[in-house]
Amino acid sequence: MEKEPIFTQSISAGTRVYYMDVHSDKKGQPYISISEVPTRRNPGKKDRRRIFVHLEDIPKFGEAFAEVAKYITDNTKDGTLALCN
């Protein structure tokens, strides 16, 4: 069984909920766990998808995420992505 996160943020996004959790590994080093959980209405096991970002990669991950988010924001018109060649 996985330990409870030290800190968590959840983002409700339509048919999904995203969780960004801070955990600590066996050596006490923090890492981020990002999960996507569909919000299906039917009972049963939900398909959880998860990635882990370790301490040494957090700055690179954050920079790349910010760059991708800026690209999408700067190149989206009327809800669609304007393709740049």
C-alpha atoms as a PDB file:
ATOM      1  CA  MET A   1       0.000   0.000   0.000  1.00  0.00           C
ATOM      2  CA  GLU A   2       1.308   3.417  -0.969  1.00  0.00           C
ATOM      3  CA  LYS A   3       1.863   6.075   1.691  1.00  0.00           C
ATOM      4  CA  GLU A   4      -0.322   9.140   1.755  1.00  0.00           C
ATOM      5  CA  PRO A   5       1.175  12.136  -0.092  1.00  0.00           C
ATOM      6  CA  ILE A   6       2.946  14.881   1.845  1.00  0.00           C
ATOM      7  CA  PHE A   7       1.181  17.524  -0.261  1.00  0.00           C
ATOM      8  CA  THR A   8      -1.438  17.237  -3.006  1.00  0.00           C
ATOM      9  CA  GLN A   9      -3.253  19.344  -5.554  1.00  0.00           C
ATOM     10  CA  SER A  10      -6.202  18.102  -7.581  1.00  0.00           C
ATOM     11  CA  ILE A  11      -7.518  19.528 -10.827  1.00  0.00           C
ATOM     12  CA  SER A  12     -11.038  18.610 -11.903  1.00  0.00           C
ATOM     13  CA  ALA A  13     -11.176  18.696 -15.697  1.00  0.00           C
ATOM     14  CA  GLY A  14     -14.449  17.466 -17.163  1.00  0.00           C
ATOM     15  CA  THR A  15     -14.276  13.689 -17.435  1.00  0.00           C
ATOM     16  CA  ARG A  16     -10.927  13.465 -15.598  1.00  0.00           C
ATOM     17  CA  VAL A  17      -9.344  14.433 -12.331  1.00  0.00           C
ATOM     18  CA  TYR A  18      -5.604  15.101 -12.212  1.00  0.00           C
ATOM     19  CA  TYR A  19      -3.668  14.709  -8.979  1.00  0.00           C
ATOM     20  CA  MET A  20      -0.245  16.222  -8.399  1.00  0.00           C
ATOM     21  CA  ASP A  21       1.176  14.656  -5.241  1.00  0.00           C
ATOM     22  CA  VAL A  22       4.449  15.142  -3.394  1.00  0.00           C
ATOM     23  CA  HIS A  23       5.844  11.924  -1.912  1.00  0.00           C
ATOM     24  CA  SER A  24       9.075  10.986  -0.186  1.00  0.00           C
ATOM     25  CA  ASP A  25      11.103   7.929  -1.233  1.00  0.00           C
ATOM     26  CA  LYS A  26      12.868   5.502   1.140  1.00  0.00           C
ATOM     27  CA  LYS A  27      15.893   7.818   1.284  1.00  0.00           C
ATOM     28  CA  GLY A  28      13.734  10.823   2.184  1.00  0.00           C
ATOM     29  CA  GLN A  29      14.061  12.426  -1.252  1.00  0.00           C
ATOM     30  CA  PRO A  30      10.912  14.138  -2.551  1.00  0.00           C
ATOM     31  CA  TYR A  31       9.337  13.298  -5.891  1.00  0.00           C
ATOM     32  CA  ILE A  32       6.166  14.277  -7.730  1.00  0.00           C
ATOM     33  CA  SER A  33       3.516  11.784  -8.753  1.00  0.00           C
ATOM     34  CA  ILE A  34       1.100  13.031 -11.446  1.00  0.00           C
ATOM     35  CA  SER A  35      -2.021  10.907 -11.879  1.00  0.00           C
ATOM     36  CA  GLU A  36      -4.936  11.022 -14.288  1.00  0.00           C
ATOM     37  CA  VAL A  37      -8.142   9.330 -13.161  1.00  0.00           C
ATOM     38  CA  PRO A  38     -11.230   9.136 -15.397  1.00  0.00           C
ATOM     39  CA  THR A  39     -14.440  10.092 -13.608  1.00  0.00           C
ATOM     40  CA  ARG A  40     -16.604   7.358 -15.074  1.00  0.00           C
ATOM     41  CA  ARG A  41     -19.920   6.989 -13.371  1.00  0.00           C
ATOM     42  CA  ASN A  42     -19.936   3.169 -13.396  1.00  0.00           C
ATOM     43  CA  PRO A  43     -18.558   1.305 -10.380  1.00  0.00           C
ATOM     44  CA  GLY A  44     -15.395  -0.763 -10.494  1.00  0.00           C
ATOM     45  CA  LYS A  45     -11.712  -0.202 -10.927  1.00  0.00           C
ATOM     46  CA  LYS A  46     -10.756   3.067 -12.593  1.00  0.00           C
ATOM     47  CA  ASP A  47      -7.862   3.237 -15.043  1.00  0.00           C
ATOM     48  CA  ARG A  48      -5.283   5.362 -13.260  1.00  0.00           C
ATOM     49  CA  ARG A  49      -2.352   6.602 -15.275  1.00  0.00           C
ATOM     50  CA  ARG A  50       0.649   7.892 -13.400  1.00  0.00           C
ATOM     51  CA  ILE A  51       4.073   9.389 -14.020  1.00  0.00           C
ATOM     52  CA  PHE A  52       6.794  10.134 -11.499  1.00  0.00           C
ATOM     53  CA  VAL A  53       9.165  13.102 -11.612  1.00  0.00           C
ATOM     54  CA  HIS A  54      12.192  12.748  -9.349  1.00  0.00           C
ATOM     55  CA  LEU A  55      13.901  15.603  -7.512  1.00  0.00           C
ATOM     56  CA  GLU A  56      16.772  16.053  -9.966  1.00  0.00           C
ATOM     57  CA  ASP A  57      14.349  16.294 -12.914  1.00  0.00           C
ATOM     58  CA  ILE A  58      11.770  18.684 -11.421  1.00  0.00           C
ATOM     59  CA  PRO A  59      13.383  21.920 -12.746  1.00  0.00           C
ATOM     60  CA  LYS A  60      13.706  20.479 -16.289  1.00  0.00           C
ATOM     61  CA  PHE A  61      10.163  19.106 -16.165  1.00  0.00           C
ATOM     62  CA  GLY A  62       8.778  22.444 -14.946  1.00  0.00           C
ATOM     63  CA  GLU A  63      10.598  24.407 -17.663  1.00  0.00           C
ATOM     64  CA  ALA A  64       9.454  22.036 -20.403  1.00  0.00           C
ATOM     65  CA  PHE A  65       5.863  22.055 -19.147  1.00  0.00           C
ATOM     66  CA  ALA A  66       5.825  25.875 -19.025  1.00  0.00           C
ATOM     67  CA  GLU A  67       7.265  26.038 -22.557  1.00  0.00           C
ATOM     68  CA  VAL A  68       4.671  23.617 -23.959  1.00  0.00           C
ATOM     69  CA  ALA A  69       1.819  25.413 -22.155  1.00  0.00           C
ATOM     70  CA  LYS A  70       3.027  28.778 -23.511  1.00  0.00           C
ATOM     71  CA  TYR A  71       3.265  27.355 -27.049  1.00  0.00           C
ATOM     72  CA  ILE A  72      -0.316  26.104 -26.872  1.00  0.00           C
ATOM     73  CA  THR A  73      -1.593  29.352 -25.354  1.00  0.00           C
ATOM     74  CA  ASP A  74       0.242  31.494 -27.920  1.00  0.00           C
ATOM     75  CA  ASN A  75      -0.867  29.358 -30.902  1.00  0.00           C
ATOM     76  CA  THR A  76      -4.508  28.655 -30.070  1.00  0.00           C
ATOM     77  CA  LYS A  77      -7.178  30.566 -31.952  1.00  0.00           C
ATOM     78  CA  ASP A  78     -10.904  29.872 -31.537  1.00  0.00           C
ATOM     79  CA  GLY A  79     -10.230  26.704 -29.536  1.00  0.00           C
ATOM     80  CA  THR A  80      -7.973  25.122 -32.173  1.00  0.00           C
ATOM     81  CA  LEU A  81      -4.221  24.984 -32.452  1.00  0.00           C
ATOM     82  CA  ALA A  82      -2.809  27.021 -35.328  1.00  0.00           C
ATOM     83  CA  LEU A  83      -0.147  24.798 -36.868  1.00  0.00           C
ATOM     84  CA  CYS A  84       3.171  26.518 -37.413  1.00  0.00           C
ATOM     85  CA  ASN A  85       5.528  25.266 -40.120  1.00  0.00           C
END
